[in-house]
Amino acid sequence: MNISDRIQSLRKSKGMSQEQLADAVGVSRQSVSKWESEQATPDLEKIMAMSELFGVTTDYILKGIEPSDTAPDHKTMADVIDQKVLTSQNASRAKKVVKGILIAFGIMMGIELIIFFLYLFMTGFPE
């Protein structure tokens, strides 16, 4: 099966006419006819549009390569470890930032307290 056969097969499986496919991807009906009769080949933009329209990969339209079912739908162990390392690094950074903010806040409060007591000693305690 070649690209023209795949386009025609996909179009027919969706119950679409050449006119409907042409409208969906933004070309003339004659263009679709030429694609299906091997007189022309769609450009990459049109192949990507058909890929989305038909719910298949561009590899399938171009080369007939079906997506493999052996591709894991889950993360590999390396992905999980990488994510765990990144998460723990981010948590460590966040703790350092919070600790720095708390220390800075404590220092500012200490300075304010010292200034307050100096003010009280210099001006006298209110009665």
C-alpha atoms as a PDB file:
ATOM      1  CA  MET A   1       0.000   0.000   0.000  1.00  0.00           C
ATOM      2  CA  ASN A   2       1.443   3.403  -0.949  1.00  0.00           C
ATOM      3  CA  ILE A   3       0.673   6.918   0.282  1.00  0.00           C
ATOM      4  CA  SER A   4      -2.148   7.413  -2.229  1.00  0.00           C
ATOM      5  CA  ASP A   5      -3.792   4.167  -1.130  1.00  0.00           C
ATOM      6  CA  ARG A   6      -3.437   5.101   2.553  1.00  0.00           C
ATOM      7  CA  ILE A   7      -4.990   8.540   2.021  1.00  0.00           C
ATOM      8  CA  GLN A   8      -7.898   7.031   0.116  1.00  0.00           C
ATOM      9  CA  SER A   9      -8.352   4.263   2.673  1.00  0.00           C
ATOM     10  CA  LEU A  10      -8.300   6.695   5.594  1.00  0.00           C
ATOM     11  CA  ARG A  11     -10.743   9.030   3.831  1.00  0.00           C
ATOM     12  CA  LYS A  12     -13.164   6.208   3.070  1.00  0.00           C
ATOM     13  CA  SER A  13     -12.879   4.762   6.582  1.00  0.00           C
ATOM     14  CA  LYS A  14     -14.099   8.123   7.904  1.00  0.00           C
ATOM     15  CA  GLY A  15     -16.909   8.127   5.340  1.00  0.00           C
ATOM     16  CA  MET A  16     -15.601  11.305   3.762  1.00  0.00           C
ATOM     17  CA  SER A  17     -15.822  12.403   0.162  1.00  0.00           C
ATOM     18  CA  GLN A  18     -12.845  13.896  -1.643  1.00  0.00           C
ATOM     19  CA  GLU A  19     -14.594  17.257  -1.374  1.00  0.00           C
ATOM     20  CA  GLN A  20     -14.967  16.919   2.405  1.00  0.00           C
ATOM     21  CA  LEU A  21     -11.305  15.956   2.823  1.00  0.00           C
ATOM     22  CA  ALA A  22     -10.272  18.845   0.594  1.00  0.00           C
ATOM     23  CA  ASP A  23     -12.276  21.308   2.698  1.00  0.00           C
ATOM     24  CA  ALA A  24     -10.865  19.860   5.931  1.00  0.00           C
ATOM     25  CA  VAL A  25      -7.222  20.287   4.893  1.00  0.00           C
ATOM     26  CA  GLY A  26      -7.659  23.443   2.828  1.00  0.00           C
ATOM     27  CA  VAL A  27      -7.116  22.263  -0.744  1.00  0.00           C
ATOM     28  CA  SER A  28      -9.231  21.682  -3.831  1.00  0.00           C
ATOM     29  CA  ARG A  29     -11.045  18.437  -4.551  1.00  0.00           C
ATOM     30  CA  GLN A  30      -8.794  18.054  -7.586  1.00  0.00           C
ATOM     31  CA  SER A  31      -5.738  18.051  -5.307  1.00  0.00           C
ATOM     32  CA  VAL A  32      -7.167  15.184  -3.280  1.00  0.00           C
ATOM     33  CA  SER A  33      -7.977  13.358  -6.498  1.00  0.00           C
ATOM     34  CA  LYS A  34      -4.381  13.798  -7.680  1.00  0.00           C
ATOM     35  CA  TRP A  35      -3.037  12.535  -4.346  1.00  0.00           C
ATOM     36  CA  GLU A  36      -5.193   9.429  -4.552  1.00  0.00           C
ATOM     37  CA  SER A  37      -4.277   8.737  -8.182  1.00  0.00           C
ATOM     38  CA  GLU A  38      -0.535   9.188  -7.555  1.00  0.00           C
ATOM     39  CA  GLN A  39      -0.339  12.240  -9.825  1.00  0.00           C
ATOM     40  CA  ALA A  40       0.805  14.428  -6.937  1.00  0.00           C
ATOM     41  CA  THR A  41       1.955  14.164  -3.330  1.00  0.00           C
ATOM     42  CA  PRO A  42       0.600  16.336  -0.522  1.00  0.00           C
ATOM     43  CA  ASP A  43       3.000  18.750   1.148  1.00  0.00           C
ATOM     44  CA  LEU A  44       4.060  18.248   4.739  1.00  0.00           C
ATOM     45  CA  GLU A  45       1.547  20.734   6.119  1.00  0.00           C
ATOM     46  CA  LYS A  46      -1.318  18.818   4.492  1.00  0.00           C
ATOM     47  CA  ILE A  47       0.062  15.486   5.706  1.00  0.00           C
ATOM     48  CA  MET A  48       0.145  16.831   9.272  1.00  0.00           C
ATOM     49  CA  ALA A  49      -3.434  18.105   8.896  1.00  0.00           C
ATOM     50  CA  MET A  50      -4.582  14.679   7.651  1.00  0.00           C
ATOM     51  CA  SER A  51      -2.687  13.014  10.483  1.00  0.00           C
ATOM     52  CA  GLU A  52      -4.678  15.012  13.031  1.00  0.00           C
ATOM     53  CA  LEU A  53      -7.931  14.615  11.098  1.00  0.00           C
ATOM     54  CA  PHE A  54      -7.649  10.831  10.808  1.00  0.00           C
ATOM     55  CA  GLY A  55      -5.977  10.263  14.182  1.00  0.00           C
ATOM     56  CA  VAL A  56      -2.904   8.552  12.760  1.00  0.00           C
ATOM     57  CA  THR A  57       0.785   9.378  12.760  1.00  0.00           C
ATOM     58  CA  THR A  58       2.497  11.125   9.890  1.00  0.00           C
ATOM     59  CA  ASP A  59       4.714   8.037   9.658  1.00  0.00           C
ATOM     60  CA  TYR A  60       1.644   5.976   8.901  1.00  0.00           C
ATOM     61  CA  ILE A  61       0.508   8.297   6.104  1.00  0.00           C
ATOM     62  CA  LEU A  62       3.985   8.639   4.602  1.00  0.00           C
ATOM     63  CA  LYS A  63       5.427   5.167   5.082  1.00  0.00           C
ATOM     64  CA  GLY A  64       2.644   2.954   6.346  1.00  0.00           C
ATOM     65  CA  ILE A  65       4.417   2.471   9.671  1.00  0.00           C
ATOM     66  CA  GLU A  66       1.867   1.651  12.335  1.00  0.00           C
ATOM     67  CA  PRO A  67       2.615   2.819  15.882  1.00  0.00           C
ATOM     68  CA  SER A  68       4.109  -0.077  17.786  1.00  0.00           C
ATOM     69  CA  ASP A  69       2.167  -1.483  20.685  1.00  0.00           C
ATOM     70  CA  THR A  70       5.446  -2.411  22.334  1.00  0.00           C
ATOM     71  CA  ALA A  71       6.187   1.209  23.184  1.00  0.00           C
ATOM     72  CA  PRO A  72       5.683   1.460  26.932  1.00  0.00           C
ATOM     73  CA  ASP A  73       2.911   3.691  28.182  1.00  0.00           C
ATOM     74  CA  HIS A  74       4.711   4.017  31.484  1.00  0.00           C
ATOM     75  CA  LYS A  75       7.892   5.738  32.496  1.00  0.00           C
ATOM     76  CA  THR A  76      11.141   3.854  32.408  1.00  0.00           C
ATOM     77  CA  MET A  77      13.042   3.323  35.622  1.00  0.00           C
ATOM     78  CA  ALA A  78      15.581   5.956  34.502  1.00  0.00           C
ATOM     79  CA  ASP A  79      12.751   8.480  34.031  1.00  0.00           C
ATOM     80  CA  VAL A  80      11.420   7.730  37.501  1.00  0.00           C
ATOM     81  CA  ILE A  81      14.887   8.082  39.062  1.00  0.00           C
ATOM     82  CA  ASP A  82      15.557  11.320  37.167  1.00  0.00           C
ATOM     83  CA  GLN A  83      12.222  12.734  38.331  1.00  0.00           C
ATOM     84  CA  LYS A  84      12.892  11.643  41.914  1.00  0.00           C
ATOM     85  CA  VAL A  85      16.330  13.293  41.862  1.00  0.00           C
ATOM     86  CA  LEU A  86      14.897  16.499  40.401  1.00  0.00           C
ATOM     87  CA  THR A  87      12.076  16.481  42.944  1.00  0.00           C
ATOM     88  CA  SER A  88      14.435  16.015  45.874  1.00  0.00           C
ATOM     89  CA  GLN A  89      16.779  18.710  44.516  1.00  0.00           C
ATOM     90  CA  ASN A  90      13.859  21.102  44.151  1.00  0.00           C
ATOM     91  CA  ALA A  91      12.680  20.282  47.673  1.00  0.00           C
ATOM     92  CA  SER A  92      16.182  20.882  49.006  1.00  0.00           C
ATOM     93  CA  ARG A  93      16.373  24.228  47.187  1.00  0.00           C
ATOM     94  CA  ALA A  94      12.947  25.222  48.469  1.00  0.00           C
ATOM     95  CA  LYS A  95      13.977  24.393  52.052  1.00  0.00           C
ATOM     96  CA  LYS A  96      17.126  26.504  51.687  1.00  0.00           C
ATOM     97  CA  VAL A  97      15.124  29.441  50.329  1.00  0.00           C
ATOM     98  CA  VAL A  98      12.552  29.224  53.128  1.00  0.00           C
ATOM     99  CA  LYS A  99      15.332  28.921  55.711  1.00  0.00           C
ATOM    100  CA  GLY A 100      17.059  32.008  54.266  1.00  0.00           C
ATOM    101  CA  ILE A 101      13.818  33.978  54.289  1.00  0.00           C
ATOM    102  CA  LEU A 102      13.119  33.004  57.904  1.00  0.00           C
ATOM    103  CA  ILE A 103      16.642  33.944  58.972  1.00  0.00           C
ATOM    104  CA  ALA A 104      16.374  37.309  57.189  1.00  0.00           C
ATOM    105  CA  PHE A 105      12.965  37.907  58.800  1.00  0.00           C
ATOM    106  CA  GLY A 106      14.372  37.023  62.232  1.00  0.00           C
ATOM    107  CA  ILE A 107      17.306  39.392  61.775  1.00  0.00           C
ATOM    108  CA  MET A 108      14.990  42.205  60.675  1.00  0.00           C
ATOM    109  CA  MET A 109      12.700  41.601  63.660  1.00  0.00           C
ATOM    110  CA  GLY A 110      15.719  41.584  65.988  1.00  0.00           C
ATOM    111  CA  ILE A 111      16.932  44.890  64.559  1.00  0.00           C
ATOM    112  CA  GLU A 112      13.441  46.378  64.911  1.00  0.00           C
ATOM    113  CA  LEU A 113      13.275  45.220  68.517  1.00  0.00           C
ATOM    114  CA  ILE A 114      16.672  46.736  69.303  1.00  0.00           C
ATOM    115  CA  ILE A 115      15.625  50.024  67.668  1.00  0.00           C
ATOM    116  CA  PHE A 116      12.379  50.000  69.661  1.00  0.00           C
ATOM    117  CA  PHE A 117      14.173  49.492  72.979  1.00  0.00           C
ATOM    118  CA  LEU A 118      16.745  52.172  72.117  1.00  0.00           C
ATOM    119  CA  TYR A 119      13.891  54.549  71.342  1.00  0.00           C
ATOM    120  CA  LEU A 120      12.227  53.746  74.667  1.00  0.00           C
ATOM    121  CA  PHE A 121      15.466  54.293  76.632  1.00  0.00           C
ATOM    122  CA  MET A 122      16.216  57.564  74.865  1.00  0.00           C
ATOM    123  CA  THR A 123      12.721  59.026  75.085  1.00  0.00           C
ATOM    124  CA  GLY A 124      11.662  57.447  78.309  1.00  0.00           C
ATOM    125  CA  PHE A 125       9.000  54.918  79.028  1.00  0.00           C
ATOM    126  CA  PRO A 126       5.426  56.123  78.561  1.00  0.00           C
ATOM    127  CA  GLU A 127       3.459  56.450  81.778  1.00  0.00           C
END
